[in-house]
Every structure is written in C-alpha cells, then in structure tokens.
C-alpha cells in the first residue's frame, strides 16, 4: 500500500490516497461541500483562483478552495 498524500481544502489539510481526485479530497474534508460541487452550486478553484475540473487527480501539497458554482471552468475567480 502506498502512503497517502496531503492536500489542502480551504486551508485545512486532509490526507487522501494517491490517485484521488479533487472531489475525493473535498469529500474527505467536507462531504456536504462535495455534494454541493456535484450539484453545481459550488466549484473548486486552485491556489491561483482558477476553477478546475473536480475529476482532476491531486498531487501532494495541492491547494484548493471552494468557490461559487457560477464560476466557469478555467476562469480566474475573485473572492466570494
């Protein structure tokens, strides 16, 4: 078994198995937030504020935050 990797969701660290998606990491951190992402009312932005696909595979140290679901994939997003 491989070691889990550490990623950050809204500033909080969470450990997930290698090969996990961004959505998996959010689900490990906050299951309700993951449901909101799936429903489209929330989205995931990277550390630059660019909205990313929830199916993206995470790498160690990845920093993400949740933003409004109105944000468009690949677009920079101002703070809510």
Foldseek 3Di string as FASTA:
>chain_A
DDFWAWEEEPRDIDTDRAQDFQLRRVCRVPVVVSVCVVVLQKFKAWPQQATADRRHGDDHHTYIYIDGSVHDHGDHDDHD
